[in-house]
Protein backbone atom coordinates (compact mmCIF):
# COMPACT_ATOMS: atom_id res chain seq x y z
CA MET A 1 17.94 -42.75 -75.42
CA ARG A 2 19.49 -45.83 -74.22
CA VAL A 3 23.02 -45.04 -72.84
CA ARG A 4 24.97 -48.34 -72.47
CA GLU A 5 27.56 -49.00 -68.89
CA GLY A 6 29.90 -46.00 -68.68
CA THR A 7 28.68 -44.03 -71.66
CA ILE A 8 28.93 -40.29 -71.03
CA CYS A 9 27.12 -37.70 -72.42
CA LEU A 10 27.12 -33.85 -71.73
CA VAL A 11 24.73 -31.90 -71.44
CA TRP A 12 23.36 -28.41 -72.17
CA LEU A 13 20.25 -26.92 -72.08
CA ALA A 14 18.19 -29.56 -73.10
CA VAL A 15 20.49 -30.65 -75.79
CA ALA A 16 22.24 -34.07 -75.72
CA ALA A 17 25.13 -35.26 -77.69
CA CYS A 18 26.94 -38.99 -76.78
CA ARG A 19 27.73 -41.99 -78.77
CA PRO A 20 27.11 -45.36 -77.02
CA GLY A 21 28.88 -48.39 -77.75
CA THR A 22 31.61 -50.24 -76.03
CA GLY A 23 33.81 -47.65 -75.93
CA VAL A 24 32.86 -44.20 -74.43
CA SER A 25 32.75 -41.19 -76.27
CA ALA A 26 30.90 -37.49 -75.70
CA ALA A 27 30.62 -34.31 -76.89
CA ALA A 28 30.23 -31.17 -75.01
CA SER A 29 28.59 -29.28 -77.55
CA PRO A 30 25.01 -29.95 -79.94
CA SER A 31 27.49 -31.34 -82.27
CA PRO A 32 29.14 -34.88 -81.06
CA THR A 33 32.88 -33.92 -81.46
CA THR A 34 35.81 -35.48 -79.63
CA ALA A 35 39.27 -34.92 -79.17
CA SER A 36 40.18 -37.80 -78.10
CA THR A 37 39.52 -41.50 -79.08
CA ARG A 38 41.14 -43.25 -76.06
CA THR A 39 38.55 -43.56 -73.06
CA TYR A 40 40.35 -43.71 -69.59
CA TRP A 41 39.30 -44.96 -65.81
CA ALA A 42 39.49 -42.76 -63.25
CA ASP A 43 42.84 -44.48 -62.02
CA GLU A 44 44.60 -43.88 -64.81
CA VAL A 45 44.36 -40.03 -65.07
CA LEU A 46 45.40 -37.43 -62.10
CA PRO A 47 43.20 -34.93 -61.16
CA CYS A 48 44.05 -31.36 -62.75
CA PRO A 49 46.24 -29.32 -60.70
CA SER A 50 43.73 -27.05 -58.62
CA PRO A 51 44.71 -23.61 -59.21
CA GLU A 52 43.65 -20.90 -57.55
CA VAL A 53 40.14 -19.59 -58.30
CA ASP A 54 39.54 -16.03 -59.30
CA PRO A 55 36.06 -15.40 -57.85
CA SER A 56 36.11 -11.99 -60.08
CA GLN A 57 36.41 -14.22 -62.98
CA PRO A 58 32.79 -15.19 -64.80
CA VAL A 59 31.38 -18.38 -65.40
CA TYR A 60 29.59 -18.76 -68.80
CA GLU A 61 26.89 -20.90 -69.89
CA TYR A 62 26.90 -22.52 -72.98
CA ALA A 63 24.44 -20.14 -75.00
CA ASP A 64 27.31 -17.12 -73.80
CA VAL A 65 30.31 -18.66 -75.40
CA ALA A 66 31.12 -18.27 -79.13
CA VAL A 67 33.12 -21.99 -78.88
CA PRO A 68 32.02 -24.21 -75.97
CA VAL A 69 34.04 -26.90 -74.09
CA LYS A 70 34.54 -29.62 -75.64
CA VAL A 71 35.89 -33.05 -73.98
CA GLU A 72 39.50 -34.02 -75.22
CA VAL A 73 40.67 -37.20 -72.33
CA LEU A 74 37.30 -38.72 -71.50
CA VAL A 75 37.60 -40.60 -68.29
CA SER A 76 34.79 -43.14 -67.84
CA PRO A 77 33.79 -44.30 -63.87
CA HIS A 78 34.01 -47.61 -62.18
CA TYR A 79 30.68 -49.18 -61.74
CA PRO A 80 30.74 -49.62 -58.31
CA PRO A 81 30.94 -53.54 -57.75
CA GLU A 82 28.14 -54.07 -55.35
CA LEU A 83 25.55 -52.61 -57.50
CA LYS A 84 27.09 -53.56 -61.05
CA GLN A 85 26.68 -57.16 -59.39
CA ALA A 86 23.22 -56.08 -57.78
CA GLY A 87 21.48 -55.29 -61.37
CA THR A 88 21.59 -51.27 -59.93
CA THR A 89 21.18 -49.04 -62.56
CA GLY A 90 20.59 -45.50 -62.75
CA GLU A 91 22.27 -41.87 -63.88
CA VAL A 92 23.81 -39.26 -62.18
CA ILE A 93 24.15 -35.76 -63.54
CA LEU A 94 26.85 -33.42 -62.37
CA SER A 95 27.13 -29.90 -62.64
CA PHE A 96 30.17 -28.11 -62.78
CA VAL A 97 32.67 -25.40 -63.76
CA VAL A 98 35.39 -26.23 -66.56
CA ASN A 99 37.86 -23.64 -66.18
CA ALA A 100 40.40 -21.94 -68.69
CA ALA A 101 43.10 -24.38 -68.25
CA GLY A 102 40.42 -27.21 -69.08
CA CYS A 103 39.93 -28.78 -65.86
CA ALA A 104 36.51 -29.23 -64.06
CA GLU A 105 37.05 -27.29 -60.55
CA PRO A 106 36.28 -29.51 -57.77
CA GLY A 107 35.15 -27.25 -55.26
CA SER A 108 32.42 -26.29 -58.21
CA VAL A 109 31.26 -29.91 -58.93
CA SER A 110 27.51 -30.91 -57.38
CA VAL A 111 24.67 -32.86 -57.83
CA PHE A 112 21.90 -32.16 -60.67
CA ARG A 113 20.34 -35.69 -59.97
CA SER A 114 21.27 -38.68 -59.13
CA ALA A 115 19.28 -42.18 -59.53
CA ALA A 116 21.28 -43.65 -56.42
CA PRO A 117 24.06 -41.84 -54.06
CA GLU A 118 25.81 -44.96 -54.49
CA PHE A 119 27.10 -43.59 -58.03
CA VAL A 120 27.83 -40.25 -57.45
CA ALA A 121 31.85 -40.80 -55.87
CA ALA A 122 32.37 -42.86 -59.00
CA ALA A 123 30.79 -40.11 -61.01
CA ARG A 124 32.71 -37.23 -59.35
CA ALA A 125 36.10 -38.87 -60.01
CA ALA A 126 35.45 -39.61 -63.44
CA ALA A 127 34.36 -35.55 -63.46
CA ILE A 128 37.85 -33.85 -62.18
CA ARG A 129 40.21 -36.46 -63.82
CA THR A 130 38.30 -35.69 -67.64
CA ARG A 131 40.52 -32.88 -69.70
CA PHE A 132 38.55 -30.55 -71.50
CA ARG A 133 39.54 -27.81 -74.28
CA PRO A 134 37.89 -24.65 -72.55
CA ALA A 135 35.48 -22.33 -73.65
CA GLU A 136 36.09 -18.81 -75.54
CA ARG A 137 34.59 -15.78 -75.53
CA GLY A 138 35.76 -12.71 -77.28
CA GLY A 139 39.16 -14.79 -78.12
CA ARG A 140 39.79 -15.42 -74.48
CA GLN A 141 39.58 -19.00 -72.38
CA VAL A 142 36.73 -18.95 -69.84
CA ARG A 143 35.23 -20.74 -67.27
CA GLN A 144 32.13 -22.20 -68.60
CA ARG A 145 29.21 -24.81 -66.37
CA VAL A 146 28.34 -27.33 -67.45
CA TYR A 147 25.60 -30.50 -66.83
CA MET A 148 27.85 -34.05 -67.29
CA PRO A 149 25.13 -37.25 -67.23
CA PHE A 150 27.20 -40.72 -66.32
CA ALA A 151 24.58 -43.60 -67.12
CA PHE A 152 25.48 -46.75 -64.69
CA GLU A 153 23.56 -49.66 -66.84
CA THR A 154 24.12 -53.20 -66.71
CA ARG A 155 25.13 -55.01 -70.50
CA ASP A 156 22.54 -57.09 -71.63
């Protein structure tokens, strides 16, 4: 799958769902759905307030929730100018927990895979500013681990 600059896809297990194009849209489930059509840059959206993380609250995987996390406000990463100018392309896949408030928990963000370490900061900034509809299990909003790829690719 070829993905354009700034396109974000959410991935669970081996399932990817995304829509490439000039705008960025993504889905947090195997079938593409988005609640917002507007894409924001990382500096346009403030990070979520960081509520206290209750370690007694479990973190669920995609297969363990009735309703998975969905993107509500998508934040596109800034392509680092020096890498864009040099024609450096690649992908970063971040793993993080989306809490019951629909925010990525900053302390849970880790690099699952990265083509270039210089892309990680831009991807992380976008991930912690993206807003999600939280996962549900048993009629309650719960924490869910997600894997979110960020593709950095120059346009042809």
